[in-house]
Amino acid sequence: MKFAIAGKVYDVVDVKQLSMKDMLLFEQQTEAMGRRLTWADVTRWRNELEALPDDKARGEHPDSLWLTAVSVWAARRASGEDVTFEQAVDFPAADIKFIATPADRKPKKAAAGKAPARKATGQRAK
């Protein structure tokens, strides 16, 4: 997945790619914006959102805006921009455009524990 802000394209990055310094700065900088967040918060939200059935449900999650802001900040930091959390997210929300990549269009694998569908043989089971 990629996204663009004002024409500049960023890769969505796994927050594990950020430096420990960035992770510590993140906690301070989110506190300065009124809500001190930890990496445990980010991980919990990501897991909660991934478990939801569709984009509508993910968009309705109470922390989806914060997780989107974290994704923007992380992508900008990973791309080499020396921005604070506040600077990274200081743009009109309408300016962000998400760009699907070919990997995003792959069908998901069957859930663990489910047996694969049987092939039809044209014969009925006896």
C-alpha atoms as a PDB file:
ATOM      1  CA  MET A   1       0.000   0.000   0.000  1.00  0.00           C
ATOM      2  CA  LYS A   2       1.115   3.518  -0.772  1.00  0.00           C
ATOM      3  CA  PHE A   3      -0.383   6.928  -0.208  1.00  0.00           C
ATOM      4  CA  ALA A   4       0.192  10.398  -1.572  1.00  0.00           C
ATOM      5  CA  ILE A   5       0.026  13.776   0.119  1.00  0.00           C
ATOM      6  CA  ALA A   6       0.055  16.822  -2.144  1.00  0.00           C
ATOM      7  CA  GLY A   7       1.479  14.698  -4.966  1.00  0.00           C
ATOM      8  CA  LYS A   8       4.346  13.128  -2.983  1.00  0.00           C
ATOM      9  CA  VAL A   9       4.060   9.335  -2.784  1.00  0.00           C
ATOM     10  CA  TYR A  10       5.005   7.404   0.361  1.00  0.00           C
ATOM     11  CA  ASP A  11       5.200   3.692   1.103  1.00  0.00           C
ATOM     12  CA  VAL A  12       3.234   2.517   4.101  1.00  0.00           C
ATOM     13  CA  VAL A  13       5.903   1.140   6.422  1.00  0.00           C
ATOM     14  CA  ASP A  14       5.852  -1.339   9.238  1.00  0.00           C
ATOM     15  CA  VAL A  15       6.439   0.690  12.393  1.00  0.00           C
ATOM     16  CA  LYS A  16       9.088  -1.860  13.360  1.00  0.00           C
ATOM     17  CA  GLN A  17      11.271  -0.252  10.676  1.00  0.00           C
ATOM     18  CA  LEU A  18      11.559   2.958  12.698  1.00  0.00           C
ATOM     19  CA  SER A  19      14.496   3.637  14.952  1.00  0.00           C
ATOM     20  CA  MET A  20      14.181   3.310  18.694  1.00  0.00           C
ATOM     21  CA  LYS A  21      14.825   7.053  18.861  1.00  0.00           C
ATOM     22  CA  ASP A  22      11.763   7.658  16.680  1.00  0.00           C
ATOM     23  CA  MET A  23       9.684   5.366  18.879  1.00  0.00           C
ATOM     24  CA  LEU A  24      10.656   7.320  21.993  1.00  0.00           C
ATOM     25  CA  LEU A  25      10.133  10.673  20.283  1.00  0.00           C
ATOM     26  CA  PHE A  26       6.715   9.464  19.186  1.00  0.00           C
ATOM     27  CA  GLU A  27       5.545   9.119  22.790  1.00  0.00           C
ATOM     28  CA  GLN A  28       6.740  12.630  23.673  1.00  0.00           C
ATOM     29  CA  GLN A  29       5.348  14.204  20.528  1.00  0.00           C
ATOM     30  CA  THR A  30       1.904  12.638  20.820  1.00  0.00           C
ATOM     31  CA  GLU A  31       1.741  13.804  24.429  1.00  0.00           C
ATOM     32  CA  ALA A  32       2.422  17.344  23.186  1.00  0.00           C
ATOM     33  CA  MET A  33      -0.692  16.955  20.995  1.00  0.00           C
ATOM     34  CA  GLY A  34      -2.827  15.924  23.975  1.00  0.00           C
ATOM     35  CA  ARG A  35      -2.672  12.134  23.936  1.00  0.00           C
ATOM     36  CA  ARG A  36       0.478  10.259  24.923  1.00  0.00           C
ATOM     37  CA  LEU A  37       0.531   7.114  22.809  1.00  0.00           C
ATOM     38  CA  THR A  38       2.797   4.118  23.133  1.00  0.00           C
ATOM     39  CA  TRP A  39       3.875   1.490  20.625  1.00  0.00           C
ATOM     40  CA  ALA A  40       1.650  -0.931  22.533  1.00  0.00           C
ATOM     41  CA  ASP A  41      -1.323   1.300  21.612  1.00  0.00           C
ATOM     42  CA  VAL A  42      -0.310   1.312  17.952  1.00  0.00           C
ATOM     43  CA  THR A  43       0.166  -2.459  17.863  1.00  0.00           C
ATOM     44  CA  ARG A  44      -3.173  -3.082  19.588  1.00  0.00           C
ATOM     45  CA  TRP A  45      -5.029  -0.780  17.169  1.00  0.00           C
ATOM     46  CA  ARG A  46      -3.379  -2.373  14.138  1.00  0.00           C
ATOM     47  CA  ASN A  47      -4.412  -5.844  15.333  1.00  0.00           C
ATOM     48  CA  GLU A  48      -7.971  -4.659  16.056  1.00  0.00           C
ATOM     49  CA  LEU A  49      -8.310  -3.050  12.625  1.00  0.00           C
ATOM     50  CA  GLU A  50      -6.891  -6.067  10.792  1.00  0.00           C
ATOM     51  CA  ALA A  51      -9.503  -8.253  12.474  1.00  0.00           C
ATOM     52  CA  LEU A  52     -12.400  -6.125  11.195  1.00  0.00           C
ATOM     53  CA  PRO A  53     -14.295  -7.397   8.141  1.00  0.00           C
ATOM     54  CA  ASP A  54     -14.065  -4.407   5.783  1.00  0.00           C
ATOM     55  CA  ASP A  55     -12.926  -0.821   5.166  1.00  0.00           C
ATOM     56  CA  LYS A  56     -16.220   0.591   6.466  1.00  0.00           C
ATOM     57  CA  ALA A  57     -15.786  -1.127   9.824  1.00  0.00           C
ATOM     58  CA  ARG A  58     -12.124  -0.090   9.973  1.00  0.00           C
ATOM     59  CA  GLY A  59     -13.085   3.532   9.273  1.00  0.00           C
ATOM     60  CA  GLU A  60     -15.574   3.437  12.127  1.00  0.00           C
ATOM     61  CA  HIS A  61     -13.003   2.203  14.668  1.00  0.00           C
ATOM     62  CA  PRO A  62     -12.631   4.934  17.331  1.00  0.00           C
ATOM     63  CA  ASP A  63      -8.848   5.130  16.847  1.00  0.00           C
ATOM     64  CA  SER A  64      -8.650   4.815  13.053  1.00  0.00           C
ATOM     65  CA  LEU A  65      -7.760   8.508  12.648  1.00  0.00           C
ATOM     66  CA  TRP A  66      -4.898   8.179  15.132  1.00  0.00           C
ATOM     67  CA  LEU A  67      -3.616   5.039  13.411  1.00  0.00           C
ATOM     68  CA  THR A  68      -3.756   6.789  10.039  1.00  0.00           C
ATOM     69  CA  ALA A  69      -1.806   9.705  11.540  1.00  0.00           C
ATOM     70  CA  VAL A  70       0.777   7.267  12.937  1.00  0.00           C
ATOM     71  CA  SER A  71       1.099   5.655   9.494  1.00  0.00           C
ATOM     72  CA  VAL A  72       1.665   9.042   7.857  1.00  0.00           C
ATOM     73  CA  TRP A  73       4.259  10.048  10.457  1.00  0.00           C
ATOM     74  CA  ALA A  74       6.063   6.690  10.223  1.00  0.00           C
ATOM     75  CA  ALA A  75       6.170   6.802   6.414  1.00  0.00           C
ATOM     76  CA  ARG A  76       7.495  10.330   6.374  1.00  0.00           C
ATOM     77  CA  ARG A  77      10.158   9.528   9.001  1.00  0.00           C
ATOM     78  CA  ALA A  78      11.167   6.328   7.159  1.00  0.00           C
ATOM     79  CA  SER A  79      11.500   8.280   3.898  1.00  0.00           C
ATOM     80  CA  GLY A  80      14.094  10.507   5.556  1.00  0.00           C
ATOM     81  CA  GLU A  81      11.949  13.525   6.374  1.00  0.00           C
ATOM     82  CA  ASP A  82      12.973  15.102   9.680  1.00  0.00           C
ATOM     83  CA  VAL A  83       9.473  16.011  10.848  1.00  0.00           C
ATOM     84  CA  THR A  84       7.766  15.892  14.210  1.00  0.00           C
ATOM     85  CA  PHE A  85       4.501  14.015  14.618  1.00  0.00           C
ATOM     86  CA  GLU A  86       2.617  17.320  14.548  1.00  0.00           C
ATOM     87  CA  GLN A  87       4.405  18.530  11.404  1.00  0.00           C
ATOM     88  CA  ALA A  88       3.868  15.198   9.650  1.00  0.00           C
ATOM     89  CA  VAL A  89       0.109  15.302  10.081  1.00  0.00           C
ATOM     90  CA  ASP A  90      -0.449  19.031   9.601  1.00  0.00           C
ATOM     91  CA  PHE A  91      -2.284  18.930   6.270  1.00  0.00           C
ATOM     92  CA  PRO A  92      -5.947  18.769   5.222  1.00  0.00           C
ATOM     93  CA  ALA A  93      -7.278  15.225   5.574  1.00  0.00           C
ATOM     94  CA  ALA A  94      -8.741  15.473   2.067  1.00  0.00           C
ATOM     95  CA  ASP A  95      -5.180  15.747   0.675  1.00  0.00           C
ATOM     96  CA  ILE A  96      -4.294  12.126   1.471  1.00  0.00           C
ATOM     97  CA  LYS A  97      -4.931   9.636  -1.310  1.00  0.00           C
ATOM     98  CA  PHE A  98      -4.424   5.911  -0.757  1.00  0.00           C
ATOM     99  CA  ILE A  99      -2.936   3.988  -3.676  1.00  0.00           C
ATOM    100  CA  ALA A 100      -3.494   0.250  -3.948  1.00  0.00           C
ATOM    101  CA  THR A 101      -0.545  -1.775  -5.204  1.00  0.00           C
ATOM    102  CA  PRO A 102      -0.762  -5.140  -7.033  1.00  0.00           C
ATOM    103  CA  ALA A 103       0.101  -6.971  -3.778  1.00  0.00           C
ATOM    104  CA  ASP A 104      -2.970  -5.376  -2.149  1.00  0.00           C
ATOM    105  CA  ARG A 105      -5.219  -7.054  -4.722  1.00  0.00           C
ATOM    106  CA  LYS A 106      -4.122 -10.633  -4.010  1.00  0.00           C
ATOM    107  CA  PRO A 107      -6.872 -12.837  -2.581  1.00  0.00           C
ATOM    108  CA  LYS A 108      -6.435 -13.651   1.078  1.00  0.00           C
ATOM    109  CA  LYS A 109      -5.516 -17.188   2.071  1.00  0.00           C
ATOM    110  CA  ALA A 110      -8.098 -19.370   3.761  1.00  0.00           C
ATOM    111  CA  ALA A 111      -8.307 -18.928   7.505  1.00  0.00           C
ATOM    112  CA  ALA A 112      -6.148 -21.225   9.572  1.00  0.00           C
ATOM    113  CA  GLY A 113      -7.873 -24.388  10.683  1.00  0.00           C
ATOM    114  CA  LYS A 114     -10.270 -24.522   7.750  1.00  0.00           C
ATOM    115  CA  ALA A 115     -10.018 -27.453   5.412  1.00  0.00           C
ATOM    116  CA  PRO A 116      -9.490 -26.616   1.753  1.00  0.00           C
ATOM    117  CA  ALA A 117     -12.465 -27.097  -0.523  1.00  0.00           C
ATOM    118  CA  ARG A 118     -12.699 -30.534  -2.125  1.00  0.00           C
ATOM    119  CA  LYS A 119     -12.361 -30.853  -5.867  1.00  0.00           C
ATOM    120  CA  ALA A 120     -15.506 -31.904  -7.672  1.00  0.00           C
ATOM    121  CA  THR A 121     -15.140 -35.305  -9.313  1.00  0.00           C
ATOM    122  CA  GLY A 122     -18.501 -35.613 -10.957  1.00  0.00           C
ATOM    123  CA  GLN A 123     -19.338 -38.611  -8.772  1.00  0.00           C
ATOM    124  CA  ARG A 124     -21.469 -38.554  -5.695  1.00  0.00           C
ATOM    125  CA  ALA A 125     -20.092 -39.812  -2.453  1.00  0.00           C
ATOM    126  CA  LYS A 126     -21.469 -43.225  -1.497  1.00  0.00           C
END
